């Protein structure tokens, strides 16, 4: 199973999300083609009700401990309650361009 699919499946099982996006952003970084190392996760779940951002992220990190210990190098998390997601008009911020590695060299 691919890393992106593992992340998706784990988060679906752990958080029963109202909305879930798992985006492989590895191509935006200085990694070999077809890598699965950098991901953006947008997760909307009732599990986050009453929890601060740090606690939400800790829950996601715990759920994805196996992937974070192995193939995943970076994880951009956008975690929301249903009300927060509605207030954002169901949108998450775009990831910034990578400036690390060879991409920063002129």
C-alpha atoms as a PDB file:
ATOM      1  CA  UNK A   1       0.000   0.000   0.000  1.00  0.00           C
ATOM      2  CA  UNK A   2       1.254   3.466  -0.831  1.00  0.00           C
ATOM      3  CA  UNK A   3       2.088   5.895   1.964  1.00  0.00           C
ATOM      4  CA  UNK A   4      -0.653   8.343   0.957  1.00  0.00           C
ATOM      5  CA  UNK A   5      -3.239   5.542   1.095  1.00  0.00           C
ATOM      6  CA  UNK A   6      -1.968   4.424   4.504  1.00  0.00           C
ATOM      7  CA  UNK A   7      -2.312   7.948   5.865  1.00  0.00           C
ATOM      8  CA  UNK A   8      -5.817   8.303   4.411  1.00  0.00           C
ATOM      9  CA  UNK A   9      -6.971   4.950   5.777  1.00  0.00           C
ATOM     10  CA  UNK A  10      -5.523   5.540   9.253  1.00  0.00           C
ATOM     11  CA  UNK A  11      -7.082   8.982   9.583  1.00  0.00           C
ATOM     12  CA  UNK A  12     -10.462   7.728   8.363  1.00  0.00           C
ATOM     13  CA  UNK A  13     -10.417   4.960  10.972  1.00  0.00           C
ATOM     14  CA  UNK A  14      -9.180   7.116  13.859  1.00  0.00           C
ATOM     15  CA  UNK A  15     -11.133  10.336  13.300  1.00  0.00           C
ATOM     16  CA  UNK A  16     -14.354   9.517  11.370  1.00  0.00           C
ATOM     17  CA  UNK A  17     -13.805  12.761   9.441  1.00  0.00           C
ATOM     18  CA  UNK A  18     -16.502  15.008   8.037  1.00  0.00           C
ATOM     19  CA  UNK A  19     -13.855  16.044   5.499  1.00  0.00           C
ATOM     20  CA  UNK A  20     -10.399  14.648   4.746  1.00  0.00           C
ATOM     21  CA  UNK A  21      -7.783  15.603   2.179  1.00  0.00           C
ATOM     22  CA  UNK A  22      -4.383  13.933   2.020  1.00  0.00           C
ATOM     23  CA  UNK A  23      -2.239  15.627  -0.609  1.00  0.00           C
ATOM     24  CA  UNK A  24       1.202  14.381  -1.618  1.00  0.00           C
ATOM     25  CA  UNK A  25       3.266  17.566  -1.938  1.00  0.00           C
ATOM     26  CA  UNK A  26       6.596  15.809  -2.387  1.00  0.00           C
ATOM     27  CA  UNK A  27       6.895  17.120  -5.944  1.00  0.00           C
ATOM     28  CA  UNK A  28       7.185  20.634  -4.470  1.00  0.00           C
ATOM     29  CA  UNK A  29      10.388  19.668  -2.642  1.00  0.00           C
ATOM     30  CA  UNK A  30      13.911  18.557  -3.469  1.00  0.00           C
ATOM     31  CA  UNK A  31      13.227  14.828  -3.478  1.00  0.00           C
ATOM     32  CA  UNK A  32      13.431  12.138  -6.159  1.00  0.00           C
ATOM     33  CA  UNK A  33      10.484  11.816  -8.571  1.00  0.00           C
ATOM     34  CA  UNK A  34       7.500   9.800  -7.294  1.00  0.00           C
ATOM     35  CA  UNK A  35       8.503  10.292  -3.657  1.00  0.00           C
ATOM     36  CA  UNK A  36       5.975  10.102  -0.842  1.00  0.00           C
ATOM     37  CA  UNK A  37       7.701  12.136   1.841  1.00  0.00           C
ATOM     38  CA  UNK A  38       5.834  15.453   2.171  1.00  0.00           C
ATOM     39  CA  UNK A  39       2.086  15.614   2.799  1.00  0.00           C
ATOM     40  CA  UNK A  40      -0.613  18.162   3.489  1.00  0.00           C
ATOM     41  CA  UNK A  41      -3.541  16.927   5.572  1.00  0.00           C
ATOM     42  CA  UNK A  42      -6.826  18.784   5.931  1.00  0.00           C
ATOM     43  CA  UNK A  43      -8.884  17.012   8.585  1.00  0.00           C
ATOM     44  CA  UNK A  44     -12.314  18.022   9.880  1.00  0.00           C
ATOM     45  CA  UNK A  45     -13.576  15.947  12.782  1.00  0.00           C
ATOM     46  CA  UNK A  46     -15.833  16.139  15.817  1.00  0.00           C
ATOM     47  CA  UNK A  47     -12.916  14.579  17.723  1.00  0.00           C
ATOM     48  CA  UNK A  48     -11.354  18.065  17.693  1.00  0.00           C
ATOM     49  CA  UNK A  49     -14.282  19.762  19.461  1.00  0.00           C
ATOM     50  CA  UNK A  50     -12.978  21.554  22.553  1.00  0.00           C
ATOM     51  CA  UNK A  51      -9.320  20.821  21.737  1.00  0.00           C
ATOM     52  CA  UNK A  52      -6.611  23.364  21.006  1.00  0.00           C
ATOM     53  CA  UNK A  53      -4.490  23.131  17.878  1.00  0.00           C
ATOM     54  CA  UNK A  54      -1.533  21.532  19.694  1.00  0.00           C
ATOM     55  CA  UNK A  55      -3.722  18.769  21.145  1.00  0.00           C
ATOM     56  CA  UNK A  56      -5.263  18.127  17.720  1.00  0.00           C
ATOM     57  CA  UNK A  57      -1.853  17.817  16.113  1.00  0.00           C
ATOM     58  CA  UNK A  58      -0.680  15.488  18.879  1.00  0.00           C
ATOM     59  CA  UNK A  59      -3.643  13.198  18.159  1.00  0.00           C
ATOM     60  CA  UNK A  60      -2.775  13.107  14.453  1.00  0.00           C
ATOM     61  CA  UNK A  61       0.933  12.540  15.156  1.00  0.00           C
ATOM     62  CA  UNK A  62       0.054   9.642  17.455  1.00  0.00           C
ATOM     63  CA  UNK A  63      -2.226   8.091  14.831  1.00  0.00           C
ATOM     64  CA  UNK A  64       0.468   8.402  12.149  1.00  0.00           C
ATOM     65  CA  UNK A  65       3.456   7.442  14.327  1.00  0.00           C
ATOM     66  CA  UNK A  66       4.455   4.568  12.040  1.00  0.00           C
ATOM     67  CA  UNK A  67       4.528   6.721   8.905  1.00  0.00           C
ATOM     68  CA  UNK A  68       6.302   9.575  10.689  1.00  0.00           C
ATOM     69  CA  UNK A  69       8.980   7.178  11.930  1.00  0.00           C
ATOM     70  CA  UNK A  70       9.584   5.949   8.398  1.00  0.00           C
ATOM     71  CA  UNK A  71       8.845   7.399   5.014  1.00  0.00           C
ATOM     72  CA  UNK A  72       7.149  10.693   5.941  1.00  0.00           C
ATOM     73  CA  UNK A  73       9.553  13.611   6.312  1.00  0.00           C
ATOM     74  CA  UNK A  74       7.047  16.478   6.597  1.00  0.00           C
ATOM     75  CA  UNK A  75       3.377  16.774   7.464  1.00  0.00           C
ATOM     76  CA  UNK A  76       1.447  20.043   7.103  1.00  0.00           C
ATOM     77  CA  UNK A  77      -1.633  19.754   9.311  1.00  0.00           C
ATOM     78  CA  UNK A  78      -4.821  21.774   9.029  1.00  0.00           C
ATOM     79  CA  UNK A  79      -7.239  20.478  11.662  1.00  0.00           C
ATOM     80  CA  UNK A  80     -10.737  21.871  12.153  1.00  0.00           C
ATOM     81  CA  UNK A  81     -14.009  21.264  13.922  1.00  0.00           C
ATOM     82  CA  UNK A  82     -17.116  21.233  11.752  1.00  0.00           C
ATOM     83  CA  UNK A  83     -17.987  24.801  12.801  1.00  0.00           C
ATOM     84  CA  UNK A  84     -14.456  26.069  12.075  1.00  0.00           C
ATOM     85  CA  UNK A  85     -14.521  24.396   8.667  1.00  0.00           C
ATOM     86  CA  UNK A  86     -17.851  26.036   7.839  1.00  0.00           C
ATOM     87  CA  UNK A  87     -16.547  29.428   8.994  1.00  0.00           C
ATOM     88  CA  UNK A  88     -13.533  29.018   6.681  1.00  0.00           C
ATOM     89  CA  UNK A  89     -15.980  28.360   3.842  1.00  0.00           C
ATOM     90  CA  UNK A  90     -14.522  24.882   3.569  1.00  0.00           C
ATOM     91  CA  UNK A  91     -11.041  25.937   2.551  1.00  0.00           C
ATOM     92  CA  UNK A  92      -7.543  25.392   3.895  1.00  0.00           C
ATOM     93  CA  UNK A  93      -4.448  27.517   3.227  1.00  0.00           C
ATOM     94  CA  UNK A  94      -2.145  26.667   0.361  1.00  0.00           C
ATOM     95  CA  UNK A  95       1.284  25.331   1.220  1.00  0.00           C
ATOM     96  CA  UNK A  96       4.205  27.704   0.633  1.00  0.00           C
ATOM     97  CA  UNK A  97       6.810  26.998  -2.003  1.00  0.00           C
ATOM     98  CA  UNK A  98       9.811  25.008  -0.824  1.00  0.00           C
ATOM     99  CA  UNK A  99      13.015  27.025  -0.538  1.00  0.00           C
ATOM    100  CA  UNK A 100      15.229  24.276   0.852  1.00  0.00           C
ATOM    101  CA  UNK A 101      17.821  22.069  -0.765  1.00  0.00           C
ATOM    102  CA  UNK A 102      18.731  22.609  -4.395  1.00  0.00           C
ATOM    103  CA  UNK A 103      15.641  24.776  -5.053  1.00  0.00           C
ATOM    104  CA  UNK A 104      17.250  27.622  -3.074  1.00  0.00           C
ATOM    105  CA  UNK A 105      20.406  27.520  -5.149  1.00  0.00           C
ATOM    106  CA  UNK A 106      20.707  29.956  -8.023  1.00  0.00           C
END
